[in-house]
């Protein structure tokens, strides 16, 4: 257990160091080196959003709809780090974790941990630890690859269209320079955190199936959060009227 926690802390520290080293250049360096681009939606750099006007990406009939809205100025390295702190250790983060752990306990997840406050405490520590590892890995890689961690609203109309857009954003990341690409950094964070978090669970959870399940659950939670972020401004306006 101590060895696993040590590996997790070292991994988080390395990624945070990478973030502080590389993300500070995001304001001056608008794109990553060519060998770091991986798969990009605009490899030529000519189909980028701007800070002043929205743009629509080309679509094919069988593809998921992809619409870019107005692109705010990219975050600096310091702003990305503050975003990481707020999204990981802020009140909303603790609230989401507490709610999710309550649901997990009601479902009897990891029955070896028992019930009551003791069982809830173990589940909360496990869930929050997984989140910290996930977010720490991602902030480091986002700084390295010059990615924007924020969710951008679709700017669409229609519940189905907006829901599809928000859910699909769990599989993409926005670049500081505009445009987006497949979310490799998100996948790495989700699945590495899923693997490490299962190491402090009972031995019966140390299987490939459990590791993969944990990673896909994180992606599903990300999609659900995006849908909430997409519609929350509308819900808030309705509540205020």
C-alpha atoms as a PDB file:
ATOM      1  CA  UNK A   1       0.000   0.000   0.000  1.00  0.00           C
ATOM      2  CA  UNK A   2       2.765   2.466   0.912  1.00  0.00           C
ATOM      3  CA  UNK A   3       4.629   1.620  -2.295  1.00  0.00           C
ATOM      4  CA  UNK A   4       1.520   2.261  -4.403  1.00  0.00           C
ATOM      5  CA  UNK A   5       0.881   5.587  -2.702  1.00  0.00           C
ATOM      6  CA  UNK A   6       4.516   6.513  -3.232  1.00  0.00           C
ATOM      7  CA  UNK A   7       4.272   5.746  -6.951  1.00  0.00           C
ATOM      8  CA  UNK A   8       1.066   7.784  -7.200  1.00  0.00           C
ATOM      9  CA  UNK A   9       2.601  10.774  -5.420  1.00  0.00           C
ATOM     10  CA  UNK A  10       5.731  10.612  -7.557  1.00  0.00           C
ATOM     11  CA  UNK A  11       3.658  10.447 -10.739  1.00  0.00           C
ATOM     12  CA  UNK A  12       1.591  13.436  -9.655  1.00  0.00           C
ATOM     13  CA  UNK A  13       4.715  15.408  -8.730  1.00  0.00           C
ATOM     14  CA  UNK A  14       6.367  14.703 -12.094  1.00  0.00           C
ATOM     15  CA  UNK A  15       3.266  15.816 -13.986  1.00  0.00           C
ATOM     16  CA  UNK A  16       2.868  18.979 -11.919  1.00  0.00           C
ATOM     17  CA  UNK A  17       6.529  19.788 -12.509  1.00  0.00           C
ATOM     18  CA  UNK A  18       6.009  19.307 -16.236  1.00  0.00           C
ATOM     19  CA  UNK A  19       3.040  21.637 -16.065  1.00  0.00           C
ATOM     20  CA  UNK A  20       4.963  24.406 -14.300  1.00  0.00           C
ATOM     21  CA  UNK A  21       7.901  24.015 -16.709  1.00  0.00           C
ATOM     22  CA  UNK A  22       6.076  23.872 -20.015  1.00  0.00           C
ATOM     23  CA  UNK A  23       2.712  25.571 -19.517  1.00  0.00           C
ATOM     24  CA  UNK A  24       4.253  28.984 -18.829  1.00  0.00           C
ATOM     25  CA  UNK A  25       5.225  29.125 -22.494  1.00  0.00           C
ATOM     26  CA  UNK A  26       1.616  28.744 -23.676  1.00  0.00           C
ATOM     27  CA  UNK A  27       1.192  32.480 -24.088  1.00  0.00           C
ATOM     28  CA  UNK A  28       4.158  32.798 -26.399  1.00  0.00           C
ATOM     29  CA  UNK A  29       4.020  29.401 -28.126  1.00  0.00           C
ATOM     30  CA  UNK A  30       0.643  28.758 -29.681  1.00  0.00           C
ATOM     31  CA  UNK A  31       1.195  25.202 -30.854  1.00  0.00           C
ATOM     32  CA  UNK A  32       3.110  22.094 -29.884  1.00  0.00           C
ATOM     33  CA  UNK A  33       5.964  20.626 -31.893  1.00  0.00           C
ATOM     34  CA  UNK A  34       4.861  18.665 -34.944  1.00  0.00           C
ATOM     35  CA  UNK A  35       5.819  15.327 -33.406  1.00  0.00           C
ATOM     36  CA  UNK A  36       3.547  16.114 -30.432  1.00  0.00           C
ATOM     37  CA  UNK A  37       0.465  16.942 -32.495  1.00  0.00           C
ATOM     38  CA  UNK A  38      -0.646  13.307 -32.753  1.00  0.00           C
ATOM     39  CA  UNK A  39      -4.017  13.452 -34.531  1.00  0.00           C
ATOM     40  CA  UNK A  40      -5.343  16.972 -34.977  1.00  0.00           C
ATOM     41  CA  UNK A  41      -8.594  18.240 -36.453  1.00  0.00           C
ATOM     42  CA  UNK A  42      -6.664  20.999 -38.234  1.00  0.00           C
ATOM     43  CA  UNK A  43      -3.118  19.719 -38.866  1.00  0.00           C
ATOM     44  CA  UNK A  44      -2.401  22.554 -41.265  1.00  0.00           C
ATOM     45  CA  UNK A  45      -3.243  25.164 -38.658  1.00  0.00           C
ATOM     46  CA  UNK A  46      -5.674  26.951 -40.997  1.00  0.00           C
ATOM     47  CA  UNK A  47      -8.972  25.905 -39.422  1.00  0.00           C
ATOM     48  CA  UNK A  48      -8.727  27.504 -36.014  1.00  0.00           C
ATOM     49  CA  UNK A  49     -11.187  29.456 -33.965  1.00  0.00           C
ATOM     50  CA  UNK A  50     -10.425  33.067 -33.114  1.00  0.00           C
ATOM     51  CA  UNK A  51     -11.020  35.299 -30.151  1.00  0.00           C
ATOM     52  CA  UNK A  52     -13.474  37.522 -31.998  1.00  0.00           C
ATOM     53  CA  UNK A  53     -15.742  35.390 -34.152  1.00  0.00           C
ATOM     54  CA  UNK A  54     -17.166  31.852 -34.056  1.00  0.00           C
ATOM     55  CA  UNK A  55     -16.414  29.290 -36.733  1.00  0.00           C
ATOM     56  CA  UNK A  56     -18.030  26.050 -37.819  1.00  0.00           C
ATOM     57  CA  UNK A  57     -15.973  22.992 -38.685  1.00  0.00           C
ATOM     58  CA  UNK A  58     -16.662  20.953 -41.774  1.00  0.00           C
ATOM     59  CA  UNK A  59     -18.873  17.953 -41.144  1.00  0.00           C
ATOM     60  CA  UNK A  60     -19.557  14.704 -42.919  1.00  0.00           C
ATOM     61  CA  UNK A  61     -23.030  13.108 -42.877  1.00  0.00           C
ATOM     62  CA  UNK A  62     -21.937  10.161 -40.730  1.00  0.00           C
ATOM     63  CA  UNK A  63     -19.719  12.017 -38.265  1.00  0.00           C
ATOM     64  CA  UNK A  64     -20.598  13.304 -34.842  1.00  0.00           C
ATOM     65  CA  UNK A  65     -21.486  16.999 -35.124  1.00  0.00           C
ATOM     66  CA  UNK A  66     -18.617  19.217 -34.120  1.00  0.00           C
ATOM     67  CA  UNK A  67     -19.146  22.962 -33.726  1.00  0.00           C
ATOM     68  CA  UNK A  68     -16.580  25.440 -32.400  1.00  0.00           C
ATOM     69  CA  UNK A  69     -17.797  28.517 -30.567  1.00  0.00           C
ATOM     70  CA  UNK A  70     -15.962  31.726 -29.775  1.00  0.00           C
ATOM     71  CA  UNK A  71     -12.534  30.836 -28.442  1.00  0.00           C
ATOM     72  CA  UNK A  72     -11.464  32.869 -25.402  1.00  0.00           C
ATOM     73  CA  UNK A  73      -7.835  33.753 -24.945  1.00  0.00           C
ATOM     74  CA  UNK A  74      -5.761  30.692 -23.926  1.00  0.00           C
ATOM     75  CA  UNK A  75      -4.991  30.272 -20.255  1.00  0.00           C
ATOM     76  CA  UNK A  76      -1.519  31.026 -18.973  1.00  0.00           C
ATOM     77  CA  UNK A  77       0.398  28.405 -17.030  1.00  0.00           C
ATOM     78  CA  UNK A  78      -0.605  30.036 -13.739  1.00  0.00           C
ATOM     79  CA  UNK A  79      -4.258  30.154 -14.768  1.00  0.00           C
ATOM     80  CA  UNK A  80      -4.192  26.479 -15.692  1.00  0.00           C
ATOM     81  CA  UNK A  81      -2.716  25.647 -12.304  1.00  0.00           C
ATOM     82  CA  UNK A  82      -5.433  27.664 -10.531  1.00  0.00           C
ATOM     83  CA  UNK A  83      -8.034  25.861 -12.646  1.00  0.00           C
ATOM     84  CA  UNK A  84      -6.521  22.558 -11.500  1.00  0.00           C
ATOM     85  CA  UNK A  85      -6.636  23.602  -7.845  1.00  0.00           C
ATOM     86  CA  UNK A  86     -10.221  24.864  -8.060  1.00  0.00           C
ATOM     87  CA  UNK A  87     -11.556  21.909 -10.046  1.00  0.00           C
ATOM     88  CA  UNK A  88      -9.780  19.352  -7.850  1.00  0.00           C
ATOM     89  CA  UNK A  89      -9.878  20.812  -4.344  1.00  0.00           C
ATOM     90  CA  UNK A  90     -12.750  23.303  -4.588  1.00  0.00           C
ATOM     91  CA  UNK A  91     -16.129  22.919  -2.818  1.00  0.00           C
ATOM     92  CA  UNK A  92     -17.862  21.669  -5.971  1.00  0.00           C
ATOM     93  CA  UNK A  93     -15.295  18.898  -6.354  1.00  0.00           C
ATOM     94  CA  UNK A  94     -15.816  17.700  -2.787  1.00  0.00           C
ATOM     95  CA  UNK A  95     -19.574  17.906  -3.286  1.00  0.00           C
ATOM     96  CA  UNK A  96     -19.525  15.799  -6.458  1.00  0.00           C
ATOM     97  CA  UNK A  97     -17.278  13.253  -4.771  1.00  0.00           C
ATOM     98  CA  UNK A  98     -19.493  13.069  -1.696  1.00  0.00           C
ATOM     99  CA  UNK A  99     -22.577  12.521  -3.864  1.00  0.00           C
ATOM    100  CA  UNK A 100     -20.909   9.863  -5.982  1.00  0.00           C
ATOM    101  CA  UNK A 101     -19.582   8.038  -2.924  1.00  0.00           C
ATOM    102  CA  UNK A 102     -23.056   8.055  -1.388  1.00  0.00           C
ATOM    103  CA  UNK A 103     -24.434   6.391  -4.518  1.00  0.00           C
ATOM    104  CA  UNK A 104     -21.582   3.865  -4.526  1.00  0.00           C
ATOM    105  CA  UNK A 105     -22.192   2.984  -0.895  1.00  0.00           C
ATOM    106  CA  UNK A 106     -25.918   2.537  -1.518  1.00  0.00           C
ATOM    107  CA  UNK A 107     -25.040   0.163  -4.359  1.00  0.00           C
ATOM    108  CA  UNK A 108     -22.679  -1.804  -2.099  1.00  0.00           C
ATOM    109  CA  UNK A 109     -19.534  -1.053  -4.104  1.00  0.00           C
ATOM    110  CA  UNK A 110     -16.489  -2.828  -2.608  1.00  0.00           C
ATOM    111  CA  UNK A 111     -18.512  -4.654   0.071  1.00  0.00           C
ATOM    112  CA  UNK A 112     -15.297  -5.522   1.907  1.00  0.00           C
ATOM    113  CA  UNK A 113     -15.171  -1.921   3.108  1.00  0.00           C
ATOM    114  CA  UNK A 114     -18.455  -2.323   4.963  1.00  0.00           C
ATOM    115  CA  UNK A 115     -21.081   0.307   5.637  1.00  0.00           C
ATOM    116  CA  UNK A 116     -21.657   3.212   7.982  1.00  0.00           C
ATOM    117  CA  UNK A 117     -19.305   6.145   8.342  1.00  0.00           C
ATOM    118  CA  UNK A 118     -16.221   3.930   8.309  1.00  0.00           C
ATOM    119  CA  UNK A 119     -17.147   2.420   4.960  1.00  0.00           C
ATOM    120  CA  UNK A 120     -18.130   5.822   3.612  1.00  0.00           C
ATOM    121  CA  UNK A 121     -14.784   7.273   4.703  1.00  0.00           C
ATOM    122  CA  UNK A 122     -12.845   4.535   2.897  1.00  0.00           C
ATOM    123  CA  UNK A 123     -14.860   4.977  -0.276  1.00  0.00           C
ATOM    124  CA  UNK A 124     -14.502   8.757  -0.130  1.00  0.00           C
ATOM    125  CA  UNK A 125     -10.715   8.541   0.344  1.00  0.00           C
ATOM    126  CA  UNK A 126     -10.447   6.081  -2.556  1.00  0.00           C
ATOM    127  CA  UNK A 127     -12.631   8.137  -4.897  1.00  0.00           C
ATOM    128  CA  UNK A 128     -10.964  11.439  -4.054  1.00  0.00           C
ATOM    129  CA  UNK A 129      -7.507   9.894  -4.334  1.00  0.00           C
ATOM    130  CA  UNK A 130      -8.378   8.631  -7.806  1.00  0.00           C
ATOM    131  CA  UNK A 131      -9.538  12.129  -8.765  1.00  0.00           C
ATOM    132  CA  UNK A 132      -6.337  13.761  -7.490  1.00  0.00           C
ATOM    133  CA  UNK A 133      -4.157  11.338  -9.472  1.00  0.00           C
ATOM    134  CA  UNK A 134      -6.296  11.814 -12.580  1.00  0.00           C
ATOM    135  CA  UNK A 135      -6.293  15.612 -12.462  1.00  0.00           C
ATOM    136  CA  UNK A 136      -2.590  15.820 -11.563  1.00  0.00           C
ATOM    137  CA  UNK A 137      -1.593  13.644 -14.514  1.00  0.00           C
ATOM    138  CA  UNK A 138      -3.815  15.631 -16.845  1.00  0.00           C
ATOM    139  CA  UNK A 139      -2.646  19.096 -15.757  1.00  0.00           C
ATOM    140  CA  UNK A 140       0.946  18.089 -16.356  1.00  0.00           C
ATOM    141  CA  UNK A 141       0.231  16.708 -19.819  1.00  0.00           C
ATOM    142  CA  UNK A 142      -2.024  19.648 -20.697  1.00  0.00           C
ATOM    143  CA  UNK A 143       0.825  22.008 -19.950  1.00  0.00           C
ATOM    144  CA  UNK A 144       3.202  19.927 -22.049  1.00  0.00           C
ATOM    145  CA  UNK A 145       0.857  19.672 -25.037  1.00  0.00           C
ATOM    146  CA  UNK A 146      -0.616  23.190 -24.719  1.00  0.00           C
ATOM    147  CA  UNK A 147      -4.217  22.129 -24.140  1.00  0.00           C
ATOM    148  CA  UNK A 148      -7.080  24.069 -22.599  1.00  0.00           C
ATOM    149  CA  UNK A 149      -8.725  22.210 -19.665  1.00  0.00           C
ATOM    150  CA  UNK A 150     -12.001  24.157 -19.816  1.00  0.00           C
ATOM    151  CA  UNK A 151     -15.339  23.028 -21.228  1.00  0.00           C
ATOM    152  CA  UNK A 152     -16.689  25.240 -24.017  1.00  0.00           C
ATOM    153  CA  UNK A 153     -20.451  25.458 -24.525  1.00  0.00           C
ATOM    154  CA  UNK A 154     -21.747  24.339 -27.905  1.00  0.00           C
ATOM    155  CA  UNK A 155     -23.653  27.492 -28.847  1.00  0.00           C
ATOM    156  CA  UNK A 156     -26.314  25.256 -30.393  1.00  0.00           C
ATOM    157  CA  UNK A 157     -30.048  25.006 -30.048  1.00  0.00           C
ATOM    158  CA  UNK A 158     -31.958  21.794 -29.407  1.00  0.00           C
ATOM    159  CA  UNK A 159     -31.606  19.468 -26.433  1.00  0.00           C
ATOM    160  CA  UNK A 160     -30.435  16.432 -28.411  1.00  0.00           C
ATOM    161  CA  UNK A 161     -27.838  18.316 -30.445  1.00  0.00           C
ATOM    162  CA  UNK A 162     -26.407  20.001 -27.357  1.00  0.00           C
ATOM    163  CA  UNK A 163     -26.387  16.757 -25.368  1.00  0.00           C
ATOM    164  CA  UNK A 164     -24.540  14.895 -28.110  1.00  0.00           C
ATOM    165  CA  UNK A 165     -21.979  17.670 -28.387  1.00  0.00           C
ATOM    166  CA  UNK A 166     -21.389  17.852 -24.627  1.00  0.00           C
ATOM    167  CA  UNK A 167     -21.049  14.080 -24.213  1.00  0.00           C
ATOM    168  CA  UNK A 168     -18.662  13.780 -27.167  1.00  0.00           C
ATOM    169  CA  UNK A 169     -16.422  16.464 -25.665  1.00  0.00           C
ATOM    170  CA  UNK A 170     -15.283  13.848 -23.124  1.00  0.00           C
ATOM    171  CA  UNK A 171     -13.228  12.329 -25.950  1.00  0.00           C
ATOM    172  CA  UNK A 172     -11.678  15.547 -27.284  1.00  0.00           C
ATOM    173  CA  UNK A 173      -9.468  18.323 -25.960  1.00  0.00           C
ATOM    174  CA  UNK A 174      -9.211  21.929 -27.090  1.00  0.00           C
ATOM    175  CA  UNK A 175      -5.791  23.253 -28.088  1.00  0.00           C
ATOM    176  CA  UNK A 176      -4.515  26.596 -26.848  1.00  0.00           C
ATOM    177  CA  UNK A 177      -4.059  27.635 -30.462  1.00  0.00           C
ATOM    178  CA  UNK A 178      -7.650  26.772 -31.394  1.00  0.00           C
ATOM    179  CA  UNK A 179      -9.167  23.631 -32.839  1.00  0.00           C
ATOM    180  CA  UNK A 180      -9.197  20.318 -31.055  1.00  0.00           C
ATOM    181  CA  UNK A 181      -7.824  16.796 -31.163  1.00  0.00           C
ATOM    182  CA  UNK A 182      -8.537  13.393 -29.683  1.00  0.00           C
ATOM    183  CA  UNK A 183      -8.150  13.532 -25.900  1.00  0.00           C
ATOM    184  CA  UNK A 184      -5.086  11.358 -25.409  1.00  0.00           C
ATOM    185  CA  UNK A 185      -4.144  13.231 -22.235  1.00  0.00           C
ATOM    186  CA  UNK A 186      -7.615  12.630 -20.796  1.00  0.00           C
ATOM    187  CA  UNK A 187      -7.432   8.923 -21.580  1.00  0.00           C
ATOM    188  CA  UNK A 188      -3.998   8.658 -19.962  1.00  0.00           C
ATOM    189  CA  UNK A 189      -5.244  10.419 -16.833  1.00  0.00           C
ATOM    190  CA  UNK A 190      -8.450   8.392 -16.568  1.00  0.00           C
ATOM    191  CA  UNK A 191      -6.919   4.978 -17.085  1.00  0.00           C
ATOM    192  CA  UNK A 192      -3.708   5.524 -15.110  1.00  0.00           C
ATOM    193  CA  UNK A 193      -5.758   6.823 -12.159  1.00  0.00           C
ATOM    194  CA  UNK A 194      -8.150   3.899 -12.547  1.00  0.00           C
ATOM    195  CA  UNK A 195      -5.251   1.461 -12.390  1.00  0.00           C
ATOM    196  CA  UNK A 196      -3.521   3.062  -9.409  1.00  0.00           C
ATOM    197  CA  UNK A 197      -6.734   3.508  -7.439  1.00  0.00           C
ATOM    198  CA  UNK A 198      -7.492  -0.203  -7.694  1.00  0.00           C
ATOM    199  CA  UNK A 199      -4.170  -1.035  -6.053  1.00  0.00           C
ATOM    200  CA  UNK A 200      -5.468  -0.006  -2.621  1.00  0.00           C
ATOM    201  CA  UNK A 201      -8.683  -1.990  -3.128  1.00  0.00           C
ATOM    202  CA  UNK A 202      -8.932  -5.651  -2.047  1.00  0.00           C
ATOM    203  CA  UNK A 203      -6.936  -8.129  -4.134  1.00  0.00           C
ATOM    204  CA  UNK A 204     -10.024  -9.314  -6.004  1.00  0.00           C
ATOM    205  CA  UNK A 205     -10.152  -5.913  -7.751  1.00  0.00           C
ATOM    206  CA  UNK A 206      -6.633  -6.197  -9.198  1.00  0.00           C
ATOM    207  CA  UNK A 207      -7.780  -7.414 -12.612  1.00  0.00           C
ATOM    208  CA  UNK A 208      -7.562  -6.000 -16.108  1.00  0.00           C
ATOM    209  CA  UNK A 209     -11.344  -5.822 -16.261  1.00  0.00           C
ATOM    210  CA  UNK A 210     -11.498  -3.699 -13.120  1.00  0.00           C
ATOM    211  CA  UNK A 211      -8.751  -1.376 -14.372  1.00  0.00           C
ATOM    212  CA  UNK A 212     -10.558  -0.834 -17.676  1.00  0.00           C
ATOM    213  CA  UNK A 213     -13.913  -0.406 -15.943  1.00  0.00           C
ATOM    214  CA  UNK A 214     -12.473   2.319 -13.703  1.00  0.00           C
ATOM    215  CA  UNK A 215     -11.104   4.201 -16.716  1.00  0.00           C
ATOM    216  CA  UNK A 216     -14.351   4.011 -18.680  1.00  0.00           C
ATOM    217  CA  UNK A 217     -16.323   5.077 -15.613  1.00  0.00           C
ATOM    218  CA  UNK A 218     -14.162   8.207 -15.417  1.00  0.00           C
ATOM    219  CA  UNK A 219     -14.895   8.967 -19.062  1.00  0.00           C
ATOM    220  CA  UNK A 220     -18.605   8.495 -18.410  1.00  0.00           C
ATOM    221  CA  UNK A 221     -18.489  10.852 -15.443  1.00  0.00           C
ATOM    222  CA  UNK A 222     -16.661  13.403 -17.606  1.00  0.00           C
ATOM    223  CA  UNK A 223     -19.397  13.171 -20.247  1.00  0.00           C
ATOM    224  CA  UNK A 224     -22.119  13.615 -17.625  1.00  0.00           C
ATOM    225  CA  UNK A 225     -20.343  16.659 -16.169  1.00  0.00           C
ATOM    226  CA  UNK A 226     -20.079  18.192 -19.628  1.00  0.00           C
ATOM    227  CA  UNK A 227     -23.809  17.764 -20.187  1.00  0.00           C
ATOM    228  CA  UNK A 228     -24.460  19.442 -16.835  1.00  0.00           C
ATOM    229  CA  UNK A 229     -22.099  22.288 -17.726  1.00  0.00           C
ATOM    230  CA  UNK A 230     -23.855  22.723 -21.071  1.00  0.00           C
ATOM    231  CA  UNK A 231     -27.344  23.083 -19.594  1.00  0.00           C
ATOM    232  CA  UNK A 232     -26.654  24.566 -16.159  1.00  0.00           C
ATOM    233  CA  UNK A 233     -26.646  28.220 -17.370  1.00  0.00           C
ATOM    234  CA  UNK A 234     -30.134  27.694 -18.847  1.00  0.00           C
ATOM    235  CA  UNK A 235     -31.382  25.987 -15.688  1.00  0.00           C
ATOM    236  CA  UNK A 236     -29.993  28.814 -13.566  1.00  0.00           C
ATOM    237  CA  UNK A 237     -31.731  31.436 -15.702  1.00  0.00           C
ATOM    238  CA  UNK A 238     -35.021  29.548 -15.402  1.00  0.00           C
ATOM    239  CA  UNK A 239     -34.673  29.358 -11.617  1.00  0.00           C
ATOM    240  CA  UNK A 240     -34.055  33.097 -11.399  1.00  0.00           C
ATOM    241  CA  UNK A 241     -37.179  33.990 -13.357  1.00  0.00           C
END
